[in-house]
Amino acid sequence: MEEESISSVSAVNVSVLKRTTEKALVVPFVDAISAITEELDDHRQSINENTSEIASNYEFLAELDRKLEALAKRVEELSALVENKPATAEKAAPEVIVTPLTKREKEVFRALYQICEETGSYASYKDLSAKLGLSEQLVSSYIANFIAKGVQIKKRYFGNIVRVGIEPAFKQLQAKRNIVGLNAPLSNWF
C-alpha cells in the first residue's frame, strides 16, 4: 500500500509539474504574442495616419496644378493681348493644303458632302455608288485619292460596312474658303 501511495503521489507530482511547466512556457509566449500584437496595432495606426496625410497632400497638389494651368493660360492670353496676337483659343485654323481634285473627284466630293448633310452621319460606299452610278470599288478608290490629296476624310467601320464622312473642321473650312475648288458653293446643291 505504501508503494501505491508513493506512486500516486508521484503521479500527482508529475501532473503538477507538467502543469507548472506548461504555464511557465505558455505565459511568456502569450505575453510575447500580446506585445507583438500591440506593436503591430501601433504600426497600423501610424500607416493609416500617413495614408490620410498622403491623400490630403495629393489633393492639395492636384488643386495647385489646376490653378497653375489656369494661371499659365491666363498669362498666355495676356501676352497675346500685349503682342496683338490671337490667344490660343482664338488661333486661326492651321493652313490646309489640298492638291487640286479632278472634275470627277469633285463630283464624288459633292455627293459625299450631300449624303453626310442629308443623313447627319456618314455615307457608305454603297450610298455613294448608288448616287453616282459608280462601282463601290471605284468609290473606294476616289476616297483613297481624297485622303492622299489632303482632303480630311473620316472612316468608320460599322460591322463589315465602311462608312466615310468629312471632318467637321474641314467641312467648315470648305464652306468658308472653298478649299476643294468647287465651281459652285455646296449650299446651292440642296
C-alpha atoms as a PDB file:
ATOM      1  CA  MET A   1       0.000   0.000   0.000  1.00  0.00           C
ATOM      2  CA  GLU A   2       2.830   2.266   0.675  1.00  0.00           C
ATOM      3  CA  GLU A   3       4.042   1.668  -2.822  1.00  0.00           C
ATOM      4  CA  GLU A   4       0.673   2.567  -4.210  1.00  0.00           C
ATOM      5  CA  SER A   5       0.574   5.796  -2.304  1.00  0.00           C
ATOM      6  CA  ILE A   6       4.113   6.656  -3.397  1.00  0.00           C
ATOM      7  CA  SER A   7       3.214   6.012  -6.992  1.00  0.00           C
ATOM      8  CA  SER A   8       0.014   8.038  -6.725  1.00  0.00           C
ATOM      9  CA  VAL A   9       1.926  10.894  -5.043  1.00  0.00           C
ATOM     10  CA  SER A  10       4.499  10.638  -7.840  1.00  0.00           C
ATOM     11  CA  ALA A  11       1.771  10.752 -10.462  1.00  0.00           C
ATOM     12  CA  VAL A  12       0.231  13.811  -8.790  1.00  0.00           C
ATOM     13  CA  ASN A  13       3.646  15.464  -8.572  1.00  0.00           C
ATOM     14  CA  VAL A  14       4.329  14.727 -12.224  1.00  0.00           C
ATOM     15  CA  SER A  15       0.933  16.097 -13.177  1.00  0.00           C
ATOM     16  CA  VAL A  16       1.502  19.261 -11.130  1.00  0.00           C
ATOM     17  CA  LEU A  17       4.982  19.563 -12.545  1.00  0.00           C
ATOM     18  CA  LYS A  18       3.635  19.286 -16.093  1.00  0.00           C
ATOM     19  CA  ARG A  19       1.002  21.964 -15.459  1.00  0.00           C
ATOM     20  CA  THR A  20       3.532  24.278 -13.906  1.00  0.00           C
ATOM     21  CA  THR A  21       5.931  23.748 -16.778  1.00  0.00           C
ATOM     22  CA  GLU A  22       3.170  24.340 -19.299  1.00  0.00           C
ATOM     23  CA  LYS A  23       2.148  27.539 -17.521  1.00  0.00           C
ATOM     24  CA  ALA A  24       5.755  28.623 -17.334  1.00  0.00           C
ATOM     25  CA  LEU A  25       6.085  28.159 -21.094  1.00  0.00           C
ATOM     26  CA  VAL A  26       2.637  29.419 -22.130  1.00  0.00           C
ATOM     27  CA  VAL A  27       2.589  32.625 -20.095  1.00  0.00           C
ATOM     28  CA  PRO A  28       5.754  34.088 -21.684  1.00  0.00           C
ATOM     29  CA  PHE A  29       4.527  33.010 -25.116  1.00  0.00           C
ATOM     30  CA  VAL A  30       1.135  34.686 -24.591  1.00  0.00           C
ATOM     31  CA  ASP A  31       2.888  37.779 -23.238  1.00  0.00           C
ATOM     32  CA  ALA A  32       5.160  37.873 -26.302  1.00  0.00           C
ATOM     33  CA  ILE A  33       2.189  37.499 -28.677  1.00  0.00           C
ATOM     34  CA  SER A  34       0.345  40.300 -26.835  1.00  0.00           C
ATOM     35  CA  ALA A  35       3.371  42.577 -27.117  1.00  0.00           C
ATOM     36  CA  ILE A  36       3.729  41.851 -30.847  1.00  0.00           C
ATOM     37  CA  THR A  37       0.008  42.465 -31.408  1.00  0.00           C
ATOM     38  CA  GLU A  38       0.207  45.781 -29.588  1.00  0.00           C
ATOM     39  CA  GLU A  39       3.232  46.827 -31.631  1.00  0.00           C
ATOM     40  CA  LEU A  40       1.514  45.845 -34.906  1.00  0.00           C
ATOM     41  CA  ASP A  41      -1.574  47.866 -33.904  1.00  0.00           C
ATOM     42  CA  ASP A  42       0.674  50.901 -33.337  1.00  0.00           C
ATOM     43  CA  HIS A  43       2.224  50.408 -36.806  1.00  0.00           C
ATOM     44  CA  ARG A  44      -1.202  50.014 -38.424  1.00  0.00           C
ATOM     45  CA  GLN A  45      -2.406  53.229 -36.801  1.00  0.00           C
ATOM     46  CA  SER A  46       0.720  55.080 -37.991  1.00  0.00           C
ATOM     47  CA  ILE A  47       0.247  53.757 -41.531  1.00  0.00           C
ATOM     48  CA  ASN A  48      -3.397  54.891 -41.572  1.00  0.00           C
ATOM     49  CA  GLU A  49      -2.403  58.354 -40.377  1.00  0.00           C
ATOM     50  CA  ASN A  50       0.334  58.569 -43.031  1.00  0.00           C
ATOM     51  CA  THR A  51      -2.063  57.382 -45.750  1.00  0.00           C
ATOM     52  CA  SER A  52      -4.534  60.115 -44.828  1.00  0.00           C
ATOM     53  CA  GLU A  53      -1.764  62.690 -44.885  1.00  0.00           C
ATOM     54  CA  ILE A  54      -0.557  61.494 -48.298  1.00  0.00           C
ATOM     55  CA  ALA A  55      -4.116  61.657 -49.686  1.00  0.00           C
ATOM     56  CA  SER A  56      -4.504  65.211 -48.373  1.00  0.00           C
ATOM     57  CA  ASN A  57      -1.175  66.222 -49.906  1.00  0.00           C
ATOM     58  CA  TYR A  58      -2.155  64.687 -53.252  1.00  0.00           C
ATOM     59  CA  GLU A  59      -5.459  66.582 -53.292  1.00  0.00           C
ATOM     60  CA  PHE A  60      -3.625  69.789 -52.443  1.00  0.00           C
ATOM     61  CA  LEU A  61      -1.066  69.239 -55.220  1.00  0.00           C
ATOM     62  CA  ALA A  62      -3.782  68.384 -57.762  1.00  0.00           C
ATOM     63  CA  GLU A  63      -5.634  71.610 -56.916  1.00  0.00           C
ATOM     64  CA  LEU A  64      -2.380  73.553 -57.102  1.00  0.00           C
ATOM     65  CA  ASP A  65      -1.670  72.010 -60.533  1.00  0.00           C
ATOM     66  CA  ARG A  66      -5.120  73.056 -61.807  1.00  0.00           C
ATOM     67  CA  LYS A  67      -4.533  76.592 -60.573  1.00  0.00           C
ATOM     68  CA  LEU A  68      -1.098  76.730 -62.212  1.00  0.00           C
ATOM     69  CA  GLU A  69      -2.566  75.567 -65.538  1.00  0.00           C
ATOM     70  CA  ALA A  70      -5.265  78.239 -65.342  1.00  0.00           C
ATOM     71  CA  LEU A  71      -2.633  80.827 -64.472  1.00  0.00           C
ATOM     72  CA  ALA A  72      -0.403  79.747 -67.378  1.00  0.00           C
ATOM     73  CA  LYS A  73      -3.352  80.023 -69.757  1.00  0.00           C
ATOM     74  CA  ARG A  74      -4.173  83.464 -68.441  1.00  0.00           C
ATOM     75  CA  VAL A  75      -0.541  84.602 -68.790  1.00  0.00           C
ATOM     76  CA  GLU A  76      -0.547  83.322 -72.387  1.00  0.00           C
ATOM     77  CA  GLU A  77      -3.744  85.263 -73.125  1.00  0.00           C
ATOM     78  CA  LEU A  78      -2.279  88.421 -71.595  1.00  0.00           C
ATOM     79  CA  SER A  79       0.955  88.023 -73.564  1.00  0.00           C
ATOM     80  CA  ALA A  80      -1.082  87.593 -76.718  1.00  0.00           C
ATOM     81  CA  LEU A  81      -3.001  90.771 -75.959  1.00  0.00           C
ATOM     82  CA  VAL A  82       0.220  92.693 -75.355  1.00  0.00           C
ATOM     83  CA  GLU A  83       1.669  91.403 -78.635  1.00  0.00           C
ATOM     84  CA  ASN A  84      -1.645  91.885 -80.521  1.00  0.00           C
ATOM     85  CA  LYS A  85      -1.798  88.210 -81.436  1.00  0.00           C
ATOM     86  CA  PRO A  86      -4.837  85.952 -81.117  1.00  0.00           C
ATOM     87  CA  ALA A  87      -4.832  83.794 -77.979  1.00  0.00           C
ATOM     88  CA  THR A  88      -4.518  80.019 -78.318  1.00  0.00           C
ATOM     89  CA  ALA A  89      -8.272  79.556 -78.110  1.00  0.00           C
ATOM     90  CA  GLU A  90      -8.720  82.040 -80.927  1.00  0.00           C
ATOM     91  CA  LYS A  91      -5.832  80.974 -83.138  1.00  0.00           C
ATOM     92  CA  ALA A  92      -6.586  80.717 -86.804  1.00  0.00           C
ATOM     93  CA  ALA A  93      -7.088  77.220 -88.110  1.00  0.00           C
ATOM     94  CA  PRO A  94      -3.948  75.632 -89.490  1.00  0.00           C
ATOM     95  CA  GLU A  95      -3.432  76.058 -93.197  1.00  0.00           C
ATOM     96  CA  VAL A  96      -4.873  73.126 -95.082  1.00  0.00           C
ATOM     97  CA  ILE A  97      -3.217  72.262 -98.358  1.00  0.00           C
ATOM     98  CA  VAL A  98      -5.240  70.188-100.765  1.00  0.00           C
ATOM     99  CA  THR A  99      -3.907  69.024-104.088  1.00  0.00           C
ATOM    100  CA  PRO A 100      -6.429  70.065-106.755  1.00  0.00           C
ATOM    101  CA  LEU A 101      -9.141  67.496-107.434  1.00  0.00           C
ATOM    102  CA  THR A 102     -10.176  66.295-110.876  1.00  0.00           C
ATOM    103  CA  LYS A 103     -13.658  67.072-112.176  1.00  0.00           C
ATOM    104  CA  ARG A 104     -14.876  63.553-111.307  1.00  0.00           C
ATOM    105  CA  GLU A 105     -13.302  63.729-107.807  1.00  0.00           C
ATOM    106  CA  LYS A 106     -15.157  66.993-107.211  1.00  0.00           C
ATOM    107  CA  GLU A 107     -18.423  65.260-108.162  1.00  0.00           C
ATOM    108  CA  VAL A 108     -17.705  62.454-105.693  1.00  0.00           C
ATOM    109  CA  PHE A 109     -16.818  65.029-103.016  1.00  0.00           C
ATOM    110  CA  ARG A 110     -20.118  66.872-103.625  1.00  0.00           C
ATOM    111  CA  ALA A 111     -22.045  63.595-103.360  1.00  0.00           C
ATOM    112  CA  LEU A 112     -20.240  62.676-100.128  1.00  0.00           C
ATOM    113  CA  TYR A 113     -20.887  66.144 -98.704  1.00  0.00           C
ATOM    114  CA  GLN A 114     -24.582  65.975 -99.635  1.00  0.00           C
ATOM    115  CA  ILE A 115     -25.159  62.497 -98.216  1.00  0.00           C
ATOM    116  CA  CYS A 116     -23.437  63.438 -94.978  1.00  0.00           C
ATOM    117  CA  GLU A 117     -25.538  66.603 -94.694  1.00  0.00           C
ATOM    118  CA  GLU A 118     -28.790  64.798 -95.533  1.00  0.00           C
ATOM    119  CA  THR A 119     -28.240  61.936 -93.115  1.00  0.00           C
ATOM    120  CA  GLY A 120     -26.312  63.889 -90.496  1.00  0.00           C
ATOM    121  CA  SER A 121     -23.951  60.943 -90.406  1.00  0.00           C
ATOM    122  CA  TYR A 122     -21.525  59.014 -92.555  1.00  0.00           C
ATOM    123  CA  ALA A 123     -22.020  57.676 -96.067  1.00  0.00           C
ATOM    124  CA  SER A 124     -21.270  54.109 -97.079  1.00  0.00           C
ATOM    125  CA  TYR A 125     -19.523  53.226-100.311  1.00  0.00           C
ATOM    126  CA  LYS A 126     -22.849  51.690-101.377  1.00  0.00           C
ATOM    127  CA  ASP A 127     -24.674  55.016-100.798  1.00  0.00           C
ATOM    128  CA  LEU A 128     -22.098  56.921-102.842  1.00  0.00           C
ATOM    129  CA  SER A 129     -22.099  54.237-105.504  1.00  0.00           C
ATOM    130  CA  ALA A 130     -25.884  54.438-105.901  1.00  0.00           C
ATOM    131  CA  LYS A 131     -25.898  58.245-106.013  1.00  0.00           C
ATOM    132  CA  LEU A 132     -23.092  58.473-108.582  1.00  0.00           C
ATOM    133  CA  GLY A 133     -23.723  55.355-110.664  1.00  0.00           C
ATOM    134  CA  LEU A 134     -20.208  54.052-109.961  1.00  0.00           C
ATOM    135  CA  SER A 135     -18.977  50.758-108.548  1.00  0.00           C
ATOM    136  CA  GLU A 136     -18.187  50.582-104.825  1.00  0.00           C
ATOM    137  CA  GLN A 137     -14.592  49.729-105.695  1.00  0.00           C
ATOM    138  CA  LEU A 138     -14.262  52.904-107.783  1.00  0.00           C
ATOM    139  CA  VAL A 139     -15.836  54.979-104.976  1.00  0.00           C
ATOM    140  CA  SER A 140     -13.320  53.431-102.563  1.00  0.00           C
ATOM    141  CA  SER A 141     -10.543  54.462-104.926  1.00  0.00           C
ATOM    142  CA  TYR A 142     -11.816  58.052-105.035  1.00  0.00           C
ATOM    143  CA  ILE A 143     -11.930  58.190-101.235  1.00  0.00           C
ATOM    144  CA  ALA A 144      -8.328  56.953-101.107  1.00  0.00           C
ATOM    145  CA  ASN A 145      -7.412  59.690-103.608  1.00  0.00           C
ATOM    146  CA  PHE A 146      -9.093  62.318-101.393  1.00  0.00           C
ATOM    147  CA  ILE A 147      -7.022  61.250 -98.425  1.00  0.00           C
ATOM    148  CA  ALA A 148      -3.826  61.247-100.496  1.00  0.00           C
ATOM    149  CA  LYS A 149      -4.615  64.756-101.770  1.00  0.00           C
ATOM    150  CA  GLY A 150      -5.186  66.184 -98.285  1.00  0.00           C
ATOM    151  CA  VAL A 151      -8.984  66.143 -98.055  1.00  0.00           C
ATOM    152  CA  GLN A 152      -9.737  65.337 -94.416  1.00  0.00           C
ATOM    153  CA  ILE A 153     -11.915  62.239 -94.519  1.00  0.00           C
ATOM    154  CA  LYS A 154     -13.059  60.166 -91.522  1.00  0.00           C
ATOM    155  CA  LYS A 155     -13.514  56.424 -91.942  1.00  0.00           C
ATOM    156  CA  ARG A 156     -15.607  54.399 -89.526  1.00  0.00           C
ATOM    157  CA  TYR A 157     -16.327  50.690 -89.560  1.00  0.00           C
ATOM    158  CA  PHE A 158     -19.804  49.557 -88.548  1.00  0.00           C
ATOM    159  CA  GLY A 159     -19.622  45.787 -88.613  1.00  0.00           C
ATOM    160  CA  ASN A 160     -18.313  44.941 -92.081  1.00  0.00           C
ATOM    161  CA  ILE A 161     -19.526  48.206 -93.623  1.00  0.00           C
ATOM    162  CA  VAL A 162     -17.098  51.062 -94.208  1.00  0.00           C
ATOM    163  CA  ARG A 163     -18.661  54.477 -93.775  1.00  0.00           C
ATOM    164  CA  VAL A 164     -16.929  57.738 -94.607  1.00  0.00           C
ATOM    165  CA  GLY A 165     -17.509  61.369 -93.781  1.00  0.00           C
ATOM    166  CA  ILE A 166     -15.797  64.719 -93.950  1.00  0.00           C
ATOM    167  CA  GLU A 167     -14.035  66.016 -90.836  1.00  0.00           C
ATOM    168  CA  PRO A 168     -16.212  68.800 -89.357  1.00  0.00           C
ATOM    169  CA  ALA A 169     -13.349  71.332 -89.205  1.00  0.00           C
ATOM    170  CA  PHE A 170     -12.514  70.637 -92.859  1.00  0.00           C
ATOM    171  CA  LYS A 171     -16.184  70.948 -93.775  1.00  0.00           C
ATOM    172  CA  GLN A 172     -16.290  74.413 -92.178  1.00  0.00           C
ATOM    173  CA  LEU A 173     -13.115  75.484 -93.960  1.00  0.00           C
ATOM    174  CA  GLN A 174     -14.540  74.220 -97.254  1.00  0.00           C
ATOM    175  CA  ALA A 175     -17.700  76.246 -96.678  1.00  0.00           C
ATOM    176  CA  LYS A 176     -15.669  79.388 -95.890  1.00  0.00           C
ATOM    177  CA  ARG A 177     -12.740  79.165 -98.296  1.00  0.00           C
ATOM    178  CA  ASN A 178     -13.685  76.578-100.956  1.00  0.00           C
ATOM    179  CA  ILE A 179     -10.503  74.588-100.365  1.00  0.00           C
ATOM    180  CA  VAL A 180     -11.501  71.818-102.729  1.00  0.00           C
ATOM    181  CA  GLY A 181     -12.110  74.321-105.527  1.00  0.00           C
ATOM    182  CA  LEU A 182     -15.713  73.554-106.407  1.00  0.00           C
ATOM    183  CA  ASN A 183     -17.190  75.834-109.058  1.00  0.00           C
ATOM    184  CA  ALA A 184     -20.496  76.291-107.216  1.00  0.00           C
ATOM    185  CA  PRO A 185     -20.889  76.501-103.450  1.00  0.00           C
ATOM    186  CA  LEU A 186     -22.187  73.320-101.833  1.00  0.00           C
ATOM    187  CA  SER A 187     -25.168  75.127-100.320  1.00  0.00           C
ATOM    188  CA  ASN A 188     -26.631  75.559-103.852  1.00  0.00           C
ATOM    189  CA  TRP A 189     -26.807  71.792-104.250  1.00  0.00           C
ATOM    190  CA  PHE A 190     -29.551  71.317-101.678  1.00  0.00           C
END
